[in-house]
């Protein structure tokens, strides 16, 4: 989501994360996965990572919930994509 201010109102605009040199979408997914691993309460990091990967495979866990929440927000705000390519006037 990108923030764009148009006419005094700030909109959150969904956009496609792509870059030919880097795969930013994979970096974002890894970042979400590692943040969810660090939030877990198991004593060892290996156990946390293993359980989070199993939860992600079963479509459970914090990282999957975060992805689904962001997807729902993008669907709600898709009408504002027209503001993605406008230039701001000063």
C-alpha atoms as a PDB file:
ATOM      1  CA  UNK A   1       0.000   0.000   0.000  1.00  0.00           C
ATOM      2  CA  UNK A   2       1.296   3.421  -0.923  1.00  0.00           C
ATOM      3  CA  UNK A   3       0.047   6.559   0.753  1.00  0.00           C
ATOM      4  CA  UNK A   4      -0.987   9.356  -1.583  1.00  0.00           C
ATOM      5  CA  UNK A   5      -2.349  12.736  -0.591  1.00  0.00           C
ATOM      6  CA  UNK A   6      -4.964  14.072  -3.006  1.00  0.00           C
ATOM      7  CA  UNK A   7      -6.964  17.195  -2.252  1.00  0.00           C
ATOM      8  CA  UNK A   8      -6.209  17.174   1.466  1.00  0.00           C
ATOM      9  CA  UNK A   9      -7.187  13.509   1.884  1.00  0.00           C
ATOM     10  CA  UNK A  10      -4.645  10.730   2.263  1.00  0.00           C
ATOM     11  CA  UNK A  11      -5.489   7.513   0.441  1.00  0.00           C
ATOM     12  CA  UNK A  12      -3.851   4.123   0.805  1.00  0.00           C
ATOM     13  CA  UNK A  13      -3.409   2.863  -2.725  1.00  0.00           C
ATOM     14  CA  UNK A  14      -2.717  -0.809  -3.481  1.00  0.00           C
ATOM     15  CA  UNK A  15       0.034  -1.494  -5.985  1.00  0.00           C
ATOM     16  CA  UNK A  16       1.759  -4.532  -7.417  1.00  0.00           C
ATOM     17  CA  UNK A  17       5.150  -5.240  -5.846  1.00  0.00           C
ATOM     18  CA  UNK A  18       7.469  -6.116  -8.705  1.00  0.00           C
ATOM     19  CA  UNK A  19      11.024  -5.286  -9.607  1.00  0.00           C
ATOM     20  CA  UNK A  20      13.004  -6.916 -12.382  1.00  0.00           C
ATOM     21  CA  UNK A  21      16.344  -6.829 -10.524  1.00  0.00           C
ATOM     22  CA  UNK A  22      15.026  -7.882  -7.107  1.00  0.00           C
ATOM     23  CA  UNK A  23      12.079  -9.971  -6.070  1.00  0.00           C
ATOM     24  CA  UNK A  24      10.642  -7.591  -3.491  1.00  0.00           C
ATOM     25  CA  UNK A  25       7.559  -9.728  -2.920  1.00  0.00           C
ATOM     26  CA  UNK A  26       9.734 -12.601  -1.700  1.00  0.00           C
ATOM     27  CA  UNK A  27      11.639 -10.224   0.586  1.00  0.00           C
ATOM     28  CA  UNK A  28       8.386  -8.967   2.080  1.00  0.00           C
ATOM     29  CA  UNK A  29       7.150 -12.529   2.621  1.00  0.00           C
ATOM     30  CA  UNK A  30      10.401 -13.523   4.345  1.00  0.00           C
ATOM     31  CA  UNK A  31      10.235 -10.423   6.542  1.00  0.00           C
ATOM     32  CA  UNK A  32       6.658 -11.258   7.588  1.00  0.00           C
ATOM     33  CA  UNK A  33       7.652 -14.850   8.283  1.00  0.00           C
ATOM     34  CA  UNK A  34      10.626 -13.852  10.433  1.00  0.00           C
ATOM     35  CA  UNK A  35       8.556 -11.318  12.382  1.00  0.00           C
ATOM     36  CA  UNK A  36       5.969 -13.978  13.100  1.00  0.00           C
ATOM     37  CA  UNK A  37       8.712 -16.424  14.142  1.00  0.00           C
ATOM     38  CA  UNK A  38      10.071 -13.910  16.646  1.00  0.00           C
ATOM     39  CA  UNK A  39       6.577 -13.378  18.116  1.00  0.00           C
ATOM     40  CA  UNK A  40       6.112 -17.050  18.956  1.00  0.00           C
ATOM     41  CA  UNK A  41       6.647 -18.345  22.483  1.00  0.00           C
ATOM     42  CA  UNK A  42       8.621 -21.559  21.913  1.00  0.00           C
ATOM     43  CA  UNK A  43      12.002 -21.621  23.672  1.00  0.00           C
ATOM     44  CA  UNK A  44      14.219 -22.375  20.641  1.00  0.00           C
ATOM     45  CA  UNK A  45      14.352 -20.434  17.406  1.00  0.00           C
ATOM     46  CA  UNK A  46      14.436 -23.659  15.371  1.00  0.00           C
ATOM     47  CA  UNK A  47      11.174 -24.818  16.949  1.00  0.00           C
ATOM     48  CA  UNK A  48       9.537 -21.451  16.313  1.00  0.00           C
ATOM     49  CA  UNK A  49      10.579 -21.466  12.669  1.00  0.00           C
ATOM     50  CA  UNK A  50       9.450 -25.060  12.163  1.00  0.00           C
ATOM     51  CA  UNK A  51       6.061 -24.442  13.751  1.00  0.00           C
ATOM     52  CA  UNK A  52       5.523 -21.228  11.807  1.00  0.00           C
ATOM     53  CA  UNK A  53       6.375 -22.964   8.520  1.00  0.00           C
ATOM     54  CA  UNK A  54       3.913 -25.742   9.349  1.00  0.00           C
ATOM     55  CA  UNK A  55       1.281 -23.146  10.238  1.00  0.00           C
ATOM     56  CA  UNK A  56       1.942 -21.283   6.983  1.00  0.00           C
ATOM     57  CA  UNK A  57       1.579 -24.532   5.057  1.00  0.00           C
ATOM     58  CA  UNK A  58      -1.772 -25.137   6.791  1.00  0.00           C
ATOM     59  CA  UNK A  59      -2.828 -21.520   6.100  1.00  0.00           C
ATOM     60  CA  UNK A  60      -2.711 -20.566   9.762  1.00  0.00           C
ATOM     61  CA  UNK A  61      -0.391 -18.393  11.815  1.00  0.00           C
ATOM     62  CA  UNK A  62       0.435 -14.723  12.027  1.00  0.00           C
ATOM     63  CA  UNK A  63       2.183 -14.335   8.655  1.00  0.00           C
ATOM     64  CA  UNK A  64      -0.778 -15.773   6.732  1.00  0.00           C
ATOM     65  CA  UNK A  65      -3.204 -13.652   8.757  1.00  0.00           C
ATOM     66  CA  UNK A  66      -1.186 -10.555   7.929  1.00  0.00           C
ATOM     67  CA  UNK A  67      -1.191 -11.420   4.221  1.00  0.00           C
ATOM     68  CA  UNK A  68      -4.952 -11.952   4.203  1.00  0.00           C
ATOM     69  CA  UNK A  69      -5.566  -8.711   6.111  1.00  0.00           C
ATOM     70  CA  UNK A  70      -3.462  -6.746   3.637  1.00  0.00           C
ATOM     71  CA  UNK A  71      -5.253  -8.404   0.724  1.00  0.00           C
ATOM     72  CA  UNK A  72      -8.643  -7.464   2.188  1.00  0.00           C
ATOM     73  CA  UNK A  73      -7.469  -3.874   2.672  1.00  0.00           C
ATOM     74  CA  UNK A  74      -6.227  -3.750  -0.929  1.00  0.00           C
ATOM     75  CA  UNK A  75      -9.607  -4.983  -2.182  1.00  0.00           C
ATOM     76  CA  UNK A  76     -11.395  -2.279  -0.199  1.00  0.00           C
ATOM     77  CA  UNK A  77      -9.105   0.461  -1.526  1.00  0.00           C
ATOM     78  CA  UNK A  78      -8.808  -0.656  -5.142  1.00  0.00           C
ATOM     79  CA  UNK A  79     -11.079   2.194  -6.266  1.00  0.00           C
ATOM     80  CA  UNK A  80      -8.255   4.600  -5.399  1.00  0.00           C
ATOM     81  CA  UNK A  81      -5.786   3.115  -7.898  1.00  0.00           C
ATOM     82  CA  UNK A  82      -6.671   5.962 -10.245  1.00  0.00           C
ATOM     83  CA  UNK A  83      -4.645   8.230  -7.939  1.00  0.00           C
ATOM     84  CA  UNK A  84      -1.519   6.085  -8.286  1.00  0.00           C
ATOM     85  CA  UNK A  85      -0.472   7.657 -11.567  1.00  0.00           C
ATOM     86  CA  UNK A  86      -1.567  11.258 -10.964  1.00  0.00           C
ATOM     87  CA  UNK A  87       0.990  13.938 -10.301  1.00  0.00           C
ATOM     88  CA  UNK A  88       0.575  16.319  -7.392  1.00  0.00           C
ATOM     89  CA  UNK A  89       0.186  20.002  -8.135  1.00  0.00           C
ATOM     90  CA  UNK A  90       2.156  22.542  -6.141  1.00  0.00           C
END
